[in-house]
């Protein structure tokens, strides 16, 4: 079935055609590619975006529609892993990116807040440590022993993140693409790139996250393609969940959409080795688990109207890769590896890659540099 997000008609946008060589060719017309294209075009560069599909038809149209600040790791774990100041700066950077998204997104983004739920006592202890670390560093978060709504009494505690949101990701990315083309960028849809060397551009930014694995061999072993599966129910006549919810370390995630449908994704751990793949198809095992949990969340059986799979990029340290590819003399750049948090991180990293190409400094560039994995 077609992803729910992509059923919305794509709005008309300005048509831009560049003659001759581009300053930067971008591979991928998802959130990262379109974010970078907008930033670079506004700076006056000649930008050409290539995508094997249409705008937002990869991971940007196949995710759960969560707009979350922070990274894929728990915040307390991030402090221990990346360093306290680096983690704090990274989290604040993503919150600022989410605010910029809100300025651009119009009705594609709703600032509903989100709940991070503890499915058992062990997870409660973990997210309680995260909550305490967030509060210690000045982030706005609230601890709840229980949550209101249909999830009440089902979980062992939660963190409420008031600044998070729900996004119609395809609508948002198409908006970015329209802004980028209005600023002078060319977008070539249904234009498969076989190799970056053939692109007629001074520099190339590969912004495909988990797709296009192997397009840049130097980072092929650093970003692991991983499949996520999603289902959507028929509309309900009552509101059960007023914001994005996620539990079991993010393996379960759901929200109720404005038209009353329940969107539910996850359960990758039911068959986790099978999901380390770039094959974009649903599987009976995970789809069955999703449907069973959907009926639990609603309290009755409810028909499924949409089901799909998408591919995201997972990294070893749960941080994206953003920067020049080692050994390519500054011609080839990469931005990807969002570990399932691509709606906000993808936007932020597109801007970050563009700024790096423009020679603008950022403290995030050292943290996310692909060279950090070099021996």
Protein backbone atom coordinates (compact mmCIF):
# COMPACT_ATOMS: atom_id res chain seq x y z
CA UNK A 1 0.00 0.00 0.00
CA UNK A 2 1.09 3.56 -0.61
CA UNK A 3 2.38 5.53 2.41
CA UNK A 4 -0.35 7.67 3.94
CA UNK A 5 1.79 10.81 3.78
CA UNK A 6 2.31 10.52 0.02
CA UNK A 7 -1.40 10.40 -0.84
CA UNK A 8 -1.61 14.15 -0.41
CA UNK A 9 -1.24 15.88 -3.79
CA UNK A 10 2.11 17.54 -4.37
CA UNK A 11 1.71 21.31 -4.71
CA UNK A 12 2.92 23.14 -7.76
CA UNK A 13 6.35 24.67 -7.43
CA UNK A 14 8.51 26.91 -9.59
CA UNK A 15 10.36 25.11 -12.39
CA UNK A 16 14.05 25.93 -12.50
CA UNK A 17 16.51 24.65 -15.12
CA UNK A 18 20.24 25.19 -14.78
CA UNK A 19 22.42 25.30 -17.86
CA UNK A 20 25.89 23.85 -17.50
CA UNK A 21 27.81 22.86 -14.43
CA UNK A 22 26.40 23.18 -10.91
CA UNK A 23 28.34 24.43 -7.94
CA UNK A 24 26.83 21.61 -5.85
CA UNK A 25 24.93 18.53 -6.96
CA UNK A 26 22.78 16.98 -4.24
CA UNK A 27 21.76 13.33 -4.36
CA UNK A 28 18.45 12.87 -2.57
CA UNK A 29 15.32 15.05 -2.58
CA UNK A 30 14.28 14.23 0.96
CA UNK A 31 14.41 16.47 3.99
CA UNK A 32 18.22 16.66 4.07
CA UNK A 33 18.69 17.31 0.37
CA UNK A 34 15.95 19.91 0.18
CA UNK A 35 17.11 21.63 3.37
CA UNK A 36 20.66 21.84 2.02
CA UNK A 37 19.44 22.98 -1.40
CA UNK A 38 17.47 25.82 0.14
CA UNK A 39 20.40 27.03 2.27
CA UNK A 40 22.89 26.84 -0.62
CA UNK A 41 20.57 28.40 -3.21
CA UNK A 42 19.79 31.28 -0.86
CA UNK A 43 23.56 31.83 -0.61
CA UNK A 44 23.70 32.27 -4.38
CA UNK A 45 25.17 28.91 -5.44
CA UNK A 46 24.03 26.95 -8.48
CA UNK A 47 22.31 23.88 -7.07
CA UNK A 48 20.99 20.78 -8.79
CA UNK A 49 19.14 18.07 -6.83
CA UNK A 50 18.78 14.53 -8.20
CA UNK A 51 16.43 11.83 -6.92
CA UNK A 52 15.60 8.38 -8.28
CA UNK A 53 12.00 8.96 -7.13
CA UNK A 54 9.94 12.06 -6.55
CA UNK A 55 10.40 14.64 -3.82
CA UNK A 56 9.96 13.11 -0.33
CA UNK A 57 9.24 9.63 -1.70
CA UNK A 58 12.04 7.91 0.22
CA UNK A 59 12.34 7.96 4.02
CA UNK A 60 10.85 11.47 4.15
CA UNK A 61 7.49 10.09 3.07
CA UNK A 62 7.74 6.73 4.82
CA UNK A 63 8.34 7.50 8.51
CA UNK A 64 6.15 7.88 11.57
CA UNK A 65 5.75 11.65 11.41
CA UNK A 66 7.48 12.41 14.71
CA UNK A 67 9.29 15.75 15.13
CA UNK A 68 11.51 15.20 18.16
CA UNK A 69 14.32 17.24 19.60
CA UNK A 70 17.51 15.52 20.67
CA UNK A 71 19.22 12.49 19.21
CA UNK A 72 18.67 8.76 18.98
CA UNK A 73 20.55 7.98 22.22
CA UNK A 74 19.12 8.69 25.67
CA UNK A 75 20.38 12.06 26.85
CA UNK A 76 22.20 10.73 29.92
CA UNK A 77 23.89 8.09 27.74
CA UNK A 78 24.80 10.77 25.20
CA UNK A 79 26.50 12.83 27.92
CA UNK A 80 28.57 9.83 28.95
CA UNK A 81 29.36 8.86 25.36
CA UNK A 82 29.99 12.14 23.55
CA UNK A 83 30.92 14.34 26.51
CA UNK A 84 28.67 16.57 28.60
CA UNK A 85 29.22 19.82 26.70
CA UNK A 86 29.02 18.18 23.28
CA UNK A 87 25.76 16.43 24.16
CA UNK A 88 24.23 19.58 25.61
CA UNK A 89 25.20 21.60 22.55
CA UNK A 90 23.90 18.94 20.18
CA UNK A 91 20.52 18.74 21.95
CA UNK A 92 20.14 22.53 21.95
CA UNK A 93 21.07 22.62 18.27
CA UNK A 94 18.26 20.18 17.42
CA UNK A 95 15.74 22.19 19.45
CA UNK A 96 16.73 25.32 17.56
CA UNK A 97 16.32 23.41 14.29
CA UNK A 98 12.83 22.35 15.33
CA UNK A 99 11.95 25.99 15.94
CA UNK A 100 13.21 26.89 12.45
CA UNK A 101 11.14 24.05 11.01
CA UNK A 102 8.07 25.51 12.68
CA UNK A 103 8.73 28.83 10.94
CA UNK A 104 8.84 27.10 7.54
CA UNK A 105 6.35 24.27 7.87
CA UNK A 106 3.02 26.03 8.19
CA UNK A 107 0.30 23.49 8.95
CA UNK A 108 2.65 20.56 8.25
CA UNK A 109 3.96 20.76 11.84
CA UNK A 110 1.91 20.71 15.04
CA UNK A 111 3.76 21.40 18.31
CA UNK A 112 1.82 18.88 20.36
CA UNK A 113 4.61 17.70 22.65
CA UNK A 114 5.51 14.03 22.98
CA UNK A 115 5.64 11.26 25.59
CA UNK A 116 8.57 8.92 26.06
CA UNK A 117 7.10 5.94 27.93
CA UNK A 118 8.57 3.26 30.16
CA UNK A 119 7.21 -0.16 29.26
CA UNK A 120 8.68 -1.82 32.38
CA UNK A 121 10.57 -1.06 35.56
CA UNK A 122 13.98 -1.31 33.89
CA UNK A 123 13.02 1.21 31.24
CA UNK A 124 11.53 3.45 33.94
CA UNK A 125 14.91 3.57 35.70
CA UNK A 126 16.60 4.41 32.41
CA UNK A 127 14.34 7.23 31.32
CA UNK A 128 14.27 8.61 34.85
CA UNK A 129 18.06 9.04 34.54
CA UNK A 130 17.48 10.75 31.22
CA UNK A 131 14.87 13.09 32.72
CA UNK A 132 17.19 14.06 35.58
CA UNK A 133 20.05 14.76 33.16
CA UNK A 134 17.80 16.89 30.96
CA UNK A 135 16.58 18.95 33.90
CA UNK A 136 20.13 19.33 35.24
CA UNK A 137 21.18 20.85 31.92
CA UNK A 138 18.20 23.19 31.70
CA UNK A 139 16.00 21.40 29.18
CA UNK A 140 12.23 21.68 29.48
CA UNK A 141 10.90 18.24 30.43
CA UNK A 142 8.33 16.92 32.87
CA UNK A 143 8.23 13.59 34.71
CA UNK A 144 4.89 11.77 34.81
CA UNK A 145 4.19 8.66 36.86
CA UNK A 146 1.31 8.02 34.46
CA UNK A 147 0.03 9.63 31.27
CA UNK A 148 -3.47 10.84 30.44
CA UNK A 149 -5.60 9.39 27.68
CA UNK A 150 -5.87 5.83 26.45
CA UNK A 151 -2.33 4.98 27.61
CA UNK A 152 -3.25 5.64 31.25
CA UNK A 153 -2.35 2.76 33.53
CA UNK A 154 -0.41 0.88 30.86
CA UNK A 155 3.10 2.22 31.43
CA UNK A 156 5.56 2.67 34.29
CA UNK A 157 6.20 6.37 33.88
CA UNK A 158 7.00 8.88 31.15
CA UNK A 159 8.92 11.97 30.14
CA UNK A 160 6.80 14.72 28.64
CA UNK A 161 8.71 16.78 26.05
CA UNK A 162 6.52 19.87 25.54
CA UNK A 163 8.36 21.30 22.52
CA UNK A 164 8.23 18.21 20.30
CA UNK A 165 5.64 17.77 17.61
CA UNK A 166 3.87 15.83 14.92
CA UNK A 167 4.76 16.48 11.28
CA UNK A 168 3.31 15.64 7.90
CA UNK A 169 6.81 14.95 6.58
CA UNK A 170 6.07 14.79 2.86
CA UNK A 171 4.17 18.10 2.97
CA UNK A 172 7.05 19.73 4.83
CA UNK A 173 9.73 18.46 2.42
CA UNK A 174 7.69 19.49 -0.61
CA UNK A 175 7.46 22.94 0.96
CA UNK A 176 11.26 23.02 1.32
CA UNK A 177 11.64 21.94 -2.30
CA UNK A 178 9.34 24.74 -3.47
CA UNK A 179 11.33 27.29 -1.48
CA UNK A 180 14.60 25.91 -2.86
CA UNK A 181 13.44 26.07 -6.48
CA UNK A 182 12.10 29.58 -5.92
CA UNK A 183 15.61 30.47 -4.74
CA UNK A 184 17.08 29.07 -7.96
CA UNK A 185 17.78 25.38 -7.32
CA UNK A 186 16.94 22.77 -9.95
CA UNK A 187 15.27 19.53 -8.81
CA UNK A 188 15.45 16.56 -11.14
CA UNK A 189 12.95 13.93 -10.05
CA UNK A 190 13.09 10.33 -11.30
CA UNK A 191 16.76 10.80 -12.11
CA UNK A 192 18.79 7.86 -10.80
CA UNK A 193 22.41 8.64 -9.95
CA UNK A 194 24.63 5.63 -10.66
CA UNK A 195 27.84 7.24 -9.45
CA UNK A 196 28.84 10.59 -7.98
CA UNK A 197 31.83 10.91 -10.31
CA UNK A 198 29.56 11.43 -13.32
CA UNK A 199 27.70 14.40 -11.86
CA UNK A 200 28.45 17.72 -13.52
CA UNK A 201 29.24 19.71 -10.41
CA UNK A 202 32.18 21.11 -8.50
CA UNK A 203 31.01 19.38 -5.33
CA UNK A 204 28.54 16.62 -4.53
CA UNK A 205 26.47 16.15 -1.36
CA UNK A 206 25.04 12.65 -0.91
CA UNK A 207 21.93 13.02 1.27
CA UNK A 208 20.22 9.63 1.01
CA UNK A 209 20.44 8.41 4.65
CA UNK A 210 19.89 4.62 4.45
CA UNK A 211 19.13 4.57 0.72
CA UNK A 212 21.77 4.44 -2.00
CA UNK A 213 23.98 2.20 0.10
CA UNK A 214 27.39 1.96 -1.53
CA UNK A 215 27.08 5.19 -3.51
CA UNK A 216 29.97 6.47 -1.37
CA UNK A 217 32.08 3.36 -0.64
CA UNK A 218 34.17 5.12 2.00
CA UNK A 219 31.18 5.38 4.35
CA UNK A 220 29.28 2.26 3.25
CA UNK A 221 30.30 0.37 6.40
CA UNK A 222 29.45 3.33 8.66
CA UNK A 223 25.75 3.73 7.81
CA UNK A 224 23.72 0.51 7.99
CA UNK A 225 20.48 0.44 6.01
CA UNK A 226 17.65 -0.52 8.36
CA UNK A 227 13.98 -1.12 7.62
CA UNK A 228 11.11 0.38 9.58
CA UNK A 229 7.52 -0.75 9.08
CA UNK A 230 4.36 1.27 9.69
CA UNK A 231 0.59 0.75 9.63
CA UNK A 232 -2.29 3.24 9.71
CA UNK A 233 -5.84 2.50 10.82
CA UNK A 234 -9.12 3.77 9.48
CA UNK A 235 -10.29 6.99 11.19
CA UNK A 236 -11.66 6.69 14.73
CA UNK A 237 -14.52 8.83 16.02
CA UNK A 238 -12.73 9.74 19.27
CA UNK A 239 -9.35 11.09 20.31
CA UNK A 240 -7.31 8.50 22.23
CA UNK A 241 -3.81 9.94 21.86
CA UNK A 242 -3.16 13.66 21.60
CA UNK A 243 0.54 13.55 20.73
CA UNK A 244 3.30 11.20 19.57
CA UNK A 245 4.02 8.36 22.03
CA UNK A 246 7.03 6.06 21.98
CA UNK A 247 8.07 3.20 24.27
CA UNK A 248 10.47 0.25 24.54
CA UNK A 249 13.50 2.38 23.62
CA UNK A 250 11.65 3.58 20.53
CA UNK A 251 10.83 0.11 19.21
CA UNK A 252 7.12 1.00 19.55
CA UNK A 253 5.84 4.40 18.41
CA UNK A 254 2.40 5.74 17.58
CA UNK A 255 0.27 8.83 17.26
CA UNK A 256 -3.26 9.76 16.32
CA UNK A 257 -3.47 11.89 13.19
CA UNK A 258 -5.74 14.92 12.73
CA UNK A 259 -8.26 12.83 10.77
CA UNK A 260 -8.56 10.35 13.65
CA UNK A 261 -6.38 7.56 12.28
CA UNK A 262 -3.85 5.76 14.47
CA UNK A 263 -0.37 5.54 12.94
CA UNK A 264 1.78 2.83 14.52
CA UNK A 265 5.32 1.75 13.73
CA UNK A 266 8.12 -0.31 15.12
CA UNK A 267 8.39 -3.86 16.46
CA UNK A 268 11.65 -4.12 14.53
CA UNK A 269 13.08 -6.19 17.39
CA UNK A 270 10.61 -9.00 16.65
CA UNK A 271 12.83 -9.89 13.70
CA UNK A 272 15.76 -7.53 14.13
CA UNK A 273 18.36 -9.19 11.91
CA UNK A 274 15.88 -9.37 9.03
CA UNK A 275 15.32 -5.62 9.36
CA UNK A 276 18.99 -4.76 8.76
CA UNK A 277 18.26 -4.46 5.06
CA UNK A 278 17.62 -1.97 2.29
CA UNK A 279 14.76 -4.05 0.89
CA UNK A 280 11.71 -1.82 1.11
CA UNK A 281 8.91 -4.29 1.74
CA UNK A 282 6.63 -5.24 4.61
CA UNK A 283 6.88 -8.64 6.28
CA UNK A 284 4.07 -10.78 7.77
CA UNK A 285 5.80 -11.22 11.14
CA UNK A 286 6.16 -7.54 11.95
CA UNK A 287 2.89 -6.53 10.32
CA UNK A 288 1.06 -9.06 12.49
CA UNK A 289 2.75 -7.70 15.63
CA UNK A 290 1.83 -4.15 14.67
CA UNK A 291 -1.80 -5.07 14.08
CA UNK A 292 -2.07 -6.88 17.42
CA UNK A 293 -0.65 -3.87 19.25
CA UNK A 294 -2.94 -1.53 17.32
CA UNK A 295 -5.97 -3.41 18.60
CA UNK A 296 -4.58 -3.14 22.16
CA UNK A 297 -4.06 0.62 21.79
CA UNK A 298 -7.59 1.17 20.50
CA UNK A 299 -9.29 -1.40 22.75
CA UNK A 300 -10.98 -3.17 19.85
CA UNK A 301 -10.20 -4.47 16.39
CA UNK A 302 -9.88 -1.73 13.81
CA UNK A 303 -9.20 -2.10 10.07
CA UNK A 304 -5.77 -1.18 8.68
CA UNK A 305 -5.95 1.05 5.62
CA UNK A 306 -2.25 1.70 4.97
CA UNK A 307 0.92 -0.27 5.52
CA UNK A 308 4.43 0.38 4.24
CA UNK A 309 8.15 0.06 4.84
CA UNK A 310 10.92 2.62 4.65
CA UNK A 311 14.69 2.57 5.03
CA UNK A 312 16.72 4.63 7.47
CA UNK A 313 20.43 4.76 8.23
CA UNK A 314 21.77 3.46 11.55
CA UNK A 315 25.23 4.36 12.86
CA UNK A 316 27.43 2.74 15.48
CA UNK A 317 27.42 5.72 17.87
CA UNK A 318 23.84 6.83 17.05
CA UNK A 319 25.10 10.14 15.64
CA UNK A 320 24.76 11.27 12.02
CA UNK A 321 27.64 11.63 9.59
CA UNK A 322 27.98 15.15 8.21
CA UNK A 323 30.99 16.47 6.38
CA UNK A 324 33.52 15.93 3.65
CA UNK A 325 34.25 12.31 2.79
CA UNK A 326 37.85 11.45 3.73
CA UNK A 327 40.13 11.02 0.73
CA UNK A 328 37.92 12.87 -1.76
CA UNK A 329 39.75 16.25 -1.69
CA UNK A 330 36.65 18.10 -0.52
CA UNK A 331 34.56 17.26 -3.59
CA UNK A 332 32.25 14.64 -2.07
CA UNK A 333 30.24 15.34 1.07
CA UNK A 334 27.74 13.26 3.00
CA UNK A 335 24.86 13.88 5.41
CA UNK A 336 22.94 10.91 6.81
CA UNK A 337 22.76 8.21 9.45
CA UNK A 338 19.95 9.58 11.62
CA UNK A 339 19.20 6.29 13.39
CA UNK A 340 15.45 6.74 13.05
CA UNK A 341 15.29 10.43 14.02
CA UNK A 342 15.49 11.90 10.55
CA UNK A 343 12.67 14.45 10.46
CA UNK A 344 14.44 17.00 12.65
CA UNK A 345 18.02 15.74 12.37
CA UNK A 346 17.69 15.44 8.60
CA UNK A 347 16.62 19.07 8.32
CA UNK A 348 19.35 20.25 10.71
CA UNK A 349 22.07 18.20 9.04
CA UNK A 350 21.09 19.46 5.59
CA UNK A 351 21.62 23.00 6.81
CA UNK A 352 24.83 21.98 8.58
CA UNK A 353 26.29 20.35 5.45
CA UNK A 354 25.37 23.41 3.40
CA UNK A 355 27.02 25.71 5.92
CA UNK A 356 30.16 23.57 5.91
CA UNK A 357 30.31 23.75 2.10
CA UNK A 358 29.93 27.53 2.39
CA UNK A 359 32.85 27.62 4.84
CA UNK A 360 30.77 28.45 7.90
CA UNK A 361 31.94 26.99 11.18
CA UNK A 362 29.76 25.04 13.62
CA UNK A 363 30.65 23.11 16.79
CA UNK A 364 28.55 20.22 15.44
CA UNK A 365 30.89 19.61 12.50
CA UNK A 366 33.63 18.06 14.62
CA UNK A 367 31.15 15.87 16.51
CA UNK A 368 29.54 14.57 13.31
CA UNK A 369 32.63 14.42 11.08
CA UNK A 370 32.72 11.13 9.10
CA UNK A 371 36.47 10.98 9.81
CA UNK A 372 35.75 10.20 13.48
CA UNK A 373 35.58 6.51 12.55
CA UNK A 374 38.98 6.50 10.83
CA UNK A 375 41.64 4.31 12.44
